Protein backbone atom coordinates (compact mmCIF):
# COMPACT_ATOMS: atom_id res chain seq x y z
CA UNK A 1 38.49 -27.26 22.31
CA UNK A 2 41.22 -25.27 20.61
CA UNK A 3 41.67 -22.00 22.51
CA UNK A 4 41.79 -20.18 19.18
CA UNK A 5 38.38 -21.48 18.19
CA UNK A 6 35.40 -19.32 19.00
CA UNK A 7 32.05 -20.84 20.01
CA UNK A 8 29.30 -20.58 17.38
CA UNK A 9 27.50 -17.26 17.53
CA UNK A 10 23.79 -16.84 18.16
CA UNK A 11 23.52 -15.76 14.51
CA UNK A 12 24.88 -19.14 13.33
CA UNK A 13 22.43 -21.00 15.58
CA UNK A 14 19.62 -18.88 14.15
CA UNK A 15 20.61 -19.77 10.58
CA UNK A 16 20.68 -23.47 11.43
CA UNK A 17 17.27 -23.20 13.10
CA UNK A 18 15.75 -21.37 10.12
CA UNK A 19 17.18 -23.92 7.71
CA UNK A 20 15.62 -26.72 9.73
CA UNK A 21 12.28 -24.90 9.77
CA UNK A 22 12.25 -24.65 5.99
CA UNK A 23 12.76 -28.32 5.21
CA UNK A 24 10.16 -30.15 3.10
CA UNK A 25 9.09 -32.02 6.24
CA UNK A 26 8.34 -28.73 7.96
CA UNK A 27 6.05 -27.56 5.15
CA UNK A 28 4.36 -30.97 4.93
CA UNK A 29 3.58 -30.87 8.66
CA UNK A 30 2.05 -27.41 8.20
CA UNK A 31 -0.20 -28.74 5.43
CA UNK A 32 1.62 -26.76 2.74
CA UNK A 33 2.03 -29.82 0.55
CA UNK A 34 2.96 -28.10 -2.69
CA UNK A 35 5.72 -26.15 -0.96
CA UNK A 36 6.98 -29.43 0.49
CA UNK A 37 6.87 -31.01 -2.99
CA UNK A 38 9.01 -28.14 -4.28
CA UNK A 39 11.53 -28.81 -1.50
CA UNK A 40 11.74 -32.54 -2.17
CA UNK A 41 11.99 -31.88 -5.92
CA UNK A 42 14.89 -29.47 -5.37
CA UNK A 43 16.71 -32.05 -3.21
CA UNK A 44 16.22 -34.81 -5.78
CA UNK A 45 17.38 -32.71 -8.72
CA UNK A 46 20.66 -32.14 -6.90
CA UNK A 47 21.24 -35.91 -6.53
CA UNK A 48 22.72 -38.32 -9.09
CA UNK A 49 20.51 -40.29 -11.44
CA UNK A 50 19.37 -43.68 -10.02
CA UNK A 51 21.07 -42.80 -6.72
CA UNK A 52 18.32 -40.73 -5.18
CA UNK A 53 17.95 -40.42 -1.43
CA UNK A 54 15.23 -42.84 -0.29
CA UNK A 55 14.02 -40.44 2.40
CA UNK A 56 13.41 -37.71 -0.20
CA UNK A 57 11.72 -40.18 -2.55
CA UNK A 58 9.39 -41.43 0.18
CA UNK A 59 8.68 -37.90 1.34
CA UNK A 60 7.79 -36.78 -2.18
CA UNK A 61 5.55 -39.84 -2.66
CA UNK A 62 3.60 -39.37 0.57
CA UNK A 63 3.29 -35.59 0.27
CA UNK A 64 2.11 -35.86 -3.34
CA UNK A 65 -0.56 -38.36 -2.28
CA UNK A 66 -1.75 -36.08 0.52
CA UNK A 67 -1.99 -33.09 -1.83
CA UNK A 68 -3.85 -35.05 -4.51
CA UNK A 69 -6.30 -36.49 -1.99
CA UNK A 70 -7.01 -33.08 -0.47
CA UNK A 71 -7.76 -31.48 -3.85
CA UNK A 72 -9.78 -34.45 -5.09
CA UNK A 73 -11.96 -34.31 -1.98
CA UNK A 74 -12.72 -30.62 -2.49
CA UNK A 75 -13.41 -31.19 -6.18
CA UNK A 76 -15.93 -33.92 -5.34
CA UNK A 77 -17.74 -31.58 -2.94
CA UNK A 78 -17.86 -28.73 -5.47
CA UNK A 79 -18.94 -30.85 -8.41
CA UNK A 80 -21.74 -32.46 -6.42
CA UNK A 81 -23.54 -29.11 -6.12
CA UNK A 82 -22.59 -27.92 -9.66
CA UNK A 83 -23.14 -24.22 -8.99
CA UNK A 84 -22.02 -21.92 -11.78
CA UNK A 85 -20.15 -19.65 -9.37
CA UNK A 86 -17.99 -22.63 -8.28
CA UNK A 87 -16.30 -23.02 -11.67
CA UNK A 88 -13.45 -20.55 -10.98
CA UNK A 89 -12.54 -22.51 -7.83
CA UNK A 90 -12.82 -25.83 -9.69
CA UNK A 91 -10.50 -24.51 -12.37
CA UNK A 92 -8.03 -23.30 -9.73
CA UNK A 93 -7.91 -26.84 -8.30
CA UNK A 94 -7.49 -28.34 -11.77
CA UNK A 95 -4.59 -25.99 -12.47
CA UNK A 96 -3.02 -26.83 -9.14
CA UNK A 97 -3.21 -30.56 -9.81
CA UNK A 98 -1.96 -30.07 -13.37
CA UNK A 99 1.08 -28.12 -12.20
CA UNK A 100 1.83 -30.63 -9.46
CA UNK A 101 1.67 -33.62 -11.80
CA UNK A 102 3.92 -31.93 -14.32
CA UNK A 103 6.51 -31.31 -11.61
CA UNK A 104 6.82 -34.94 -10.53
CA UNK A 105 6.64 -36.24 -14.12
CA UNK A 106 9.56 -34.01 -15.05
CA UNK A 107 11.66 -35.66 -12.30
CA UNK A 108 11.35 -39.19 -13.67
CA UNK A 109 13.02 -41.64 -13.59
CA UNK A 110 13.21 -41.68 -9.80
CA UNK A 111 15.04 -44.57 -8.18
CA UNK A 112 17.16 -45.04 -5.07
CA UNK A 113 20.48 -46.88 -5.03
CA UNK A 114 18.70 -50.01 -3.77
CA UNK A 115 15.95 -49.83 -6.38
CA UNK A 116 13.17 -48.05 -4.48
CA UNK A 117 10.93 -46.12 -6.87
CA UNK A 118 8.01 -43.95 -5.65
CA UNK A 119 4.54 -44.39 -7.13
CA UNK A 120 2.36 -41.42 -8.05
CA UNK A 121 -1.37 -41.68 -8.69
CA UNK A 122 -2.07 -39.26 -11.53
CA UNK A 123 -5.33 -37.94 -12.92
CA UNK A 124 -4.78 -38.91 -16.54
CA UNK A 125 -7.26 -36.50 -18.13
CA UNK A 126 -6.32 -33.46 -16.04
CA UNK A 127 -5.45 -31.40 -19.12
CA UNK A 128 -8.90 -31.91 -20.62
CA UNK A 129 -10.58 -31.27 -17.27
CA UNK A 130 -8.62 -28.06 -16.83
CA UNK A 131 -9.54 -26.81 -20.30
CA UNK A 132 -13.22 -27.55 -19.69
CA UNK A 133 -13.34 -25.85 -16.28
CA UNK A 134 -11.42 -22.93 -17.73
CA UNK A 135 -14.13 -22.44 -20.37
CA UNK A 136 -16.88 -22.92 -17.81
CA UNK A 137 -15.27 -20.29 -15.56
CA UNK A 138 -15.03 -17.79 -18.40
CA UNK A 139 -18.66 -18.39 -19.34
CA UNK A 140 -19.76 -17.85 -15.75
CA UNK A 141 -17.77 -14.63 -15.32
CA UNK A 142 -19.08 -13.29 -18.62
CA UNK A 143 -22.72 -14.01 -17.76
CA UNK A 144 -22.25 -12.68 -14.24
CA UNK A 145 -20.84 -9.41 -15.59
CA UNK A 146 -23.76 -9.07 -18.02
CA UNK A 147 -26.24 -9.48 -15.14
CA UNK A 148 -24.42 -6.85 -13.10
CA UNK A 149 -24.43 -4.41 -15.99
CA UNK A 150 -28.18 -4.97 -16.41
CA UNK A 151 -28.66 -3.98 -12.76
CA UNK A 152 -26.73 -0.76 -13.34
CA UNK A 153 -28.75 -0.02 -16.47
CA UNK A 154 -32.07 -0.46 -14.64
CA UNK A 155 -31.21 1.16 -11.29
CA UNK A 156 -28.44 3.63 -12.06
CA UNK A 157 -26.31 2.09 -9.32
CA UNK A 158 -22.62 2.24 -10.14
CA UNK A 159 -21.27 -0.48 -7.83
CA UNK A 160 -22.67 -3.38 -9.92
CA UNK A 161 -20.88 -1.96 -12.98
CA UNK A 162 -17.65 -1.77 -11.01
CA UNK A 163 -18.09 -5.39 -9.90
CA UNK A 164 -18.75 -6.33 -13.54
CA UNK A 165 -15.55 -4.58 -14.56
CA UNK A 166 -13.61 -6.59 -11.95
CA UNK A 167 -15.15 -9.88 -13.14
CA UNK A 168 -14.36 -9.13 -16.79
CA UNK A 169 -10.77 -8.15 -15.98
CA UNK A 170 -10.45 -11.46 -14.10
CA UNK A 171 -11.76 -13.31 -17.17
CA UNK A 172 -9.34 -11.56 -19.51
CA UNK A 173 -6.31 -11.84 -17.22
CA UNK A 174 -6.71 -15.34 -15.83
CA UNK A 175 -8.77 -17.32 -18.36
CA UNK A 176 -8.97 -16.07 -21.95
CA UNK A 177 -7.45 -12.99 -23.52
CA UNK A 178 -10.35 -12.91 -25.98
CA UNK A 179 -13.80 -14.19 -25.04
CA UNK A 180 -16.91 -13.11 -26.93
CA UNK A 181 -17.40 -9.33 -26.43
CA UNK A 182 -15.35 -9.06 -23.25
CA UNK A 183 -13.26 -6.10 -24.40
CA UNK A 184 -16.32 -4.06 -25.36
CA UNK A 185 -18.06 -4.92 -22.08
CA UNK A 186 -14.98 -3.91 -20.10
CA UNK A 187 -15.18 -0.45 -21.66
CA UNK A 188 -18.92 -0.26 -21.00
CA UNK A 189 -18.51 -1.34 -17.38
CA UNK A 190 -15.70 1.14 -16.83
CA UNK A 191 -17.80 4.01 -18.13
CA UNK A 192 -20.96 2.93 -16.30
CA UNK A 193 -19.07 2.59 -13.02
CA UNK A 194 -17.69 6.12 -13.03
CA UNK A 195 -19.17 8.95 -10.97
CA UNK A 196 -18.89 12.46 -12.44
CA UNK A 197 -18.51 15.24 -9.90
CA UNK A 198 -18.69 18.96 -10.60
CA UNK A 199 -16.35 20.77 -8.26
CA UNK A 200 -17.29 24.40 -7.58
CA UNK A 201 -15.33 26.94 -5.51
CA UNK A 202 -16.53 30.34 -4.39
CA UNK A 203 -15.64 33.10 -1.96
CA UNK A 204 -17.95 34.72 0.59
CA UNK A 205 -18.50 38.43 0.09
CA UNK A 206 -16.04 40.45 2.13
CA UNK A 207 -13.36 37.74 2.26
CA UNK A 208 -10.13 39.14 0.89
CA UNK A 209 -7.66 37.22 -1.28
CA UNK A 210 -10.05 34.30 -1.80
CA UNK A 211 -9.07 33.90 -5.45
CA UNK A 212 -5.41 33.51 -4.45
CA UNK A 213 -6.46 30.95 -1.84
CA UNK A 214 -8.17 28.69 -4.40
CA UNK A 215 -5.35 29.14 -6.91
CA UNK A 216 -2.98 27.66 -4.34
CA UNK A 217 -4.87 24.36 -4.16
CA UNK A 218 -4.94 21.53 -6.66
CA UNK A 219 -8.71 21.16 -6.38
CA UNK A 220 -9.19 20.64 -10.08
CA UNK A 221 -9.99 17.75 -12.46
CA UNK A 222 -8.01 14.71 -11.44
CA UNK A 223 -7.00 16.05 -8.03
CA UNK A 224 -8.48 13.02 -6.28
CA UNK A 225 -6.76 9.88 -7.59
CA UNK A 226 -9.45 7.26 -8.01
CA UNK A 227 -10.40 5.07 -10.95
CA UNK A 228 -14.11 5.61 -10.45
CA UNK A 229 -14.31 9.33 -9.57
CA UNK A 230 -13.99 11.98 -12.28
CA UNK A 231 -13.89 15.62 -11.20
CA UNK A 232 -14.69 18.68 -13.28
CA UNK A 233 -14.34 22.39 -12.63
CA UNK A 234 -16.15 23.45 -15.82
CA UNK A 235 -19.95 23.21 -15.58
CA UNK A 236 -20.15 23.04 -19.38
CA UNK A 237 -17.98 19.92 -19.57
CA UNK A 238 -21.04 17.62 -19.38
CA UNK A 239 -24.78 17.90 -19.77
CA UNK A 240 -25.31 16.34 -16.35
CA UNK A 241 -23.26 15.41 -13.31
CA UNK A 242 -23.79 12.75 -10.68
CA UNK A 243 -22.59 14.89 -7.78
CA UNK A 244 -21.91 18.52 -7.11
CA UNK A 245 -19.26 19.51 -4.55
CA UNK A 246 -19.61 23.12 -3.47
CA UNK A 247 -16.71 24.63 -1.53
CA UNK A 248 -17.23 28.15 -0.23
CA UNK A 249 -14.42 30.06 1.46
CA UNK A 250 -16.13 31.98 4.27
CA UNK A 251 -13.13 33.13 6.31
CA UNK A 252 -9.46 33.78 5.67
CA UNK A 253 -7.11 35.48 8.09
CA UNK A 254 -3.37 36.04 7.97
CA UNK A 255 -1.83 37.64 11.03
CA UNK A 256 1.22 39.87 11.09
CA UNK A 257 4.61 38.51 11.98
CA UNK A 258 5.51 38.89 15.65
CA UNK A 259 9.18 39.06 16.51
CA UNK A 260 10.92 39.25 19.84
CA UNK A 261 14.29 38.64 21.35
CA UNK A 262 15.63 37.91 24.78
CA UNK A 263 19.11 38.17 26.16
CA UNK A 264 20.86 36.14 28.77
CA UNK A 265 24.34 36.27 30.16
CA UNK A 266 26.57 33.22 30.49
CA UNK A 267 29.66 33.34 32.67
CA UNK A 268 32.40 30.74 32.70
CA UNK A 269 36.00 30.28 33.83
CA UNK A 270 38.60 29.80 31.10
CA UNK A 271 42.32 29.03 31.31
CA UNK A 272 44.58 32.08 31.23
CA UNK A 273 48.16 30.84 31.37
CA UNK A 274 50.13 29.52 34.36
CA UNK A 275 51.69 30.62 37.60
CA UNK A 276 55.17 29.07 37.82
CA UNK A 277 57.66 28.70 40.67
CA UNK A 278 61.36 28.55 39.83
CA UNK A 279 64.28 27.27 41.84
CA UNK A 280 67.54 29.16 42.33
CA UNK A 281 68.78 27.85 39.02
CA UNK A 282 65.76 29.15 37.16
CA UNK A 283 64.14 25.77 36.60
CA UNK A 284 60.37 25.38 36.91
CA UNK A 285 59.54 23.40 40.01
CA UNK A 286 55.76 23.86 39.96
CA UNK A 287 53.09 25.17 37.63
CA UNK A 288 49.54 26.22 38.47
CA UNK A 289 46.86 26.96 35.89
CA UNK A 290 45.45 30.48 36.05
CA UNK A 291 41.80 31.19 35.19
CA UNK A 292 39.90 34.26 34.19
CA UNK A 293 36.18 34.95 34.02
CA UNK A 294 34.56 35.39 30.62
CA UNK A 295 31.08 36.83 30.22
CA UNK A 296 29.04 36.38 27.03
CA UNK A 297 25.69 37.83 26.14
CA UNK A 298 23.48 35.45 24.12
CA UNK A 299 20.52 36.77 22.17
CA UNK A 300 17.59 34.45 21.36
CA UNK A 301 15.39 35.53 18.47
CA UNK A 302 11.78 34.42 18.07
CA UNK A 303 9.39 34.81 15.14
CA UNK A 304 5.77 33.71 14.93
CA UNK A 305 2.85 34.09 12.55
CA UNK A 306 -0.60 32.57 12.40
CA UNK A 307 -3.21 32.09 9.68
CA UNK A 308 -6.48 30.25 9.39
CA UNK A 309 -9.24 29.60 6.89
CA UNK A 310 -12.75 28.16 6.93
CA UNK A 311 -14.43 26.42 4.01
CA UNK A 312 -18.03 25.20 3.90
CA UNK A 313 -18.38 21.94 1.96
CA UNK A 314 -21.68 20.71 0.61
CA UNK A 315 -21.78 17.52 -1.45
CA UNK A 316 -25.06 16.85 -3.25
CA UNK A 317 -26.36 13.84 -5.16
CA UNK A 318 -27.69 15.48 -8.32
CA UNK A 319 -29.98 12.56 -9.24
CA UNK A 320 -31.61 12.10 -5.85
CA UNK A 321 -31.50 15.79 -4.91
CA UNK A 322 -29.99 14.74 -1.60
CA UNK A 323 -27.22 16.39 0.40
CA UNK A 324 -24.72 13.67 1.24
CA UNK A 325 -22.53 15.74 3.53
CA UNK A 326 -22.41 19.32 4.74
CA UNK A 327 -19.67 20.42 7.05
CA UNK A 328 -17.33 23.22 7.97
CA UNK A 329 -13.63 22.61 7.44
CA UNK A 330 -11.42 24.84 9.56
CA UNK A 331 -7.66 24.82 9.27
CA UNK A 332 -5.02 26.80 11.11
CA UNK A 333 -1.35 27.13 10.30
CA UNK A 334 0.97 28.43 13.02
CA UNK A 335 4.58 29.29 12.37
CA UNK A 336 6.99 29.67 15.26
CA UNK A 337 10.77 29.48 15.14
CA UNK A 338 13.55 30.31 17.56
CA UNK A 339 17.19 30.87 16.74
CA UNK A 340 20.35 32.05 18.48
CA UNK A 341 22.32 32.69 15.30
CA UNK A 342 20.12 35.16 13.43
CA UNK A 343 16.52 36.39 13.47
CA UNK A 344 14.29 33.79 11.76
CA UNK A 345 11.88 34.91 9.07
CA UNK A 346 8.23 33.84 8.95
CA UNK A 347 6.57 32.91 5.62
CA UNK A 348 5.30 35.79 3.53
CA UNK A 349 1.63 36.76 3.47
CA UNK A 350 1.14 34.65 0.34
CA UNK A 351 3.18 31.84 1.82
CA UNK A 352 0.85 31.68 4.81
CA UNK A 353 -2.19 31.54 2.51
CA UNK A 354 -0.58 28.70 0.60
CA UNK A 355 -0.07 26.67 3.77
CA UNK A 356 -3.65 27.11 4.94
CA UNK A 357 -4.91 26.22 1.47
CA UNK A 358 -2.79 23.08 1.51
CA UNK A 359 -4.31 21.97 4.83
CA UNK A 360 -7.84 22.70 3.60
CA UNK A 361 -7.16 20.71 0.42
CA UNK A 362 -6.04 17.67 2.41
CA UNK A 363 -9.16 17.76 4.57
CA UNK A 364 -11.46 18.19 1.58
CA UNK A 365 -9.87 15.20 -0.15
CA UNK A 366 -10.25 13.09 2.96
CA UNK A 367 -13.94 13.95 3.31
CA UNK A 368 -14.74 13.38 -0.37
CA UNK A 369 -12.92 10.04 -0.41
CA UNK A 370 -14.86 8.90 2.63
CA UNK A 371 -18.23 9.78 1.12
CA UNK A 372 -17.74 9.06 -2.59
CA UNK A 373 -15.38 6.12 -3.08
CA UNK A 374 -17.98 3.47 -2.22
CA UNK A 375 -20.96 5.14 -3.94
């Protein structure tokens, strides 16, 4: 080996290994036939016409056959039972076969230098089959959504309406942009799936600065980001609400700022010139560093302040007259800072209230999400 040549790095070996792992053969062995077909197709497109690599041609032929056989077997099983809810899966298989067949057809003619040409067994009427299963899937999703909306209408449950909304969005996005009254039903499902919550805040008698506390939160319409939960702070906004969230501030305390400082002395030796010895001619023959002691007083400043608040949360189902959750949320904010440069300053009185309110808000959101999102 040339002494100037460096051995391959671990990084180079890693690249070679990764490249080998991502060959069409690798994906075929893992059962990811369509990924393998993409790999073989890419290799063949890069080769000259009628001079294709036989190994790639044979690999494409065998992998295509495996993929077709796998999907055909599943289709046979699904179509034997003929359940309406199986149509979306049947259509997915039809689309997969359709895409695969179009890929290999677009590569033709395929022939090696010695005349080898792969054979592909195609489902000739796949386009018609795909169109039919597409329509059957849309019809199923539409009927399924109608049934779910009927459940919501008769029981008042919101989850079936939300499931109907999801099914109709699937129909519109993946099957037909326009299908019967899908757009109108989407709007109906969206409205029927929403829960309307009246959010009420109050302050216990004797608690000071409660109004400022609530003003420093974002507990207002839209504060909780969720497609299905709509919050209101105005009781006149609707004739009726699904839930009522009552938040009562029962305690709020902001302590005074406590400051202190401590001093310590640091002593260290620092250079202070040299002691020199001269010879008879006045030349320096030796030099010794001199030191002196320096003393410095260091002052450490400390500032601390503490505040806490307590809010009682009661969430009630207005239709059932049932309390879903009732709990006390207590939050404390403690400020403490130390500095050697200058005395630190704690947040103002209002700043401390803001920080406690922010913590309470986070805890309220967490509790309401936990209870309401799945209702």
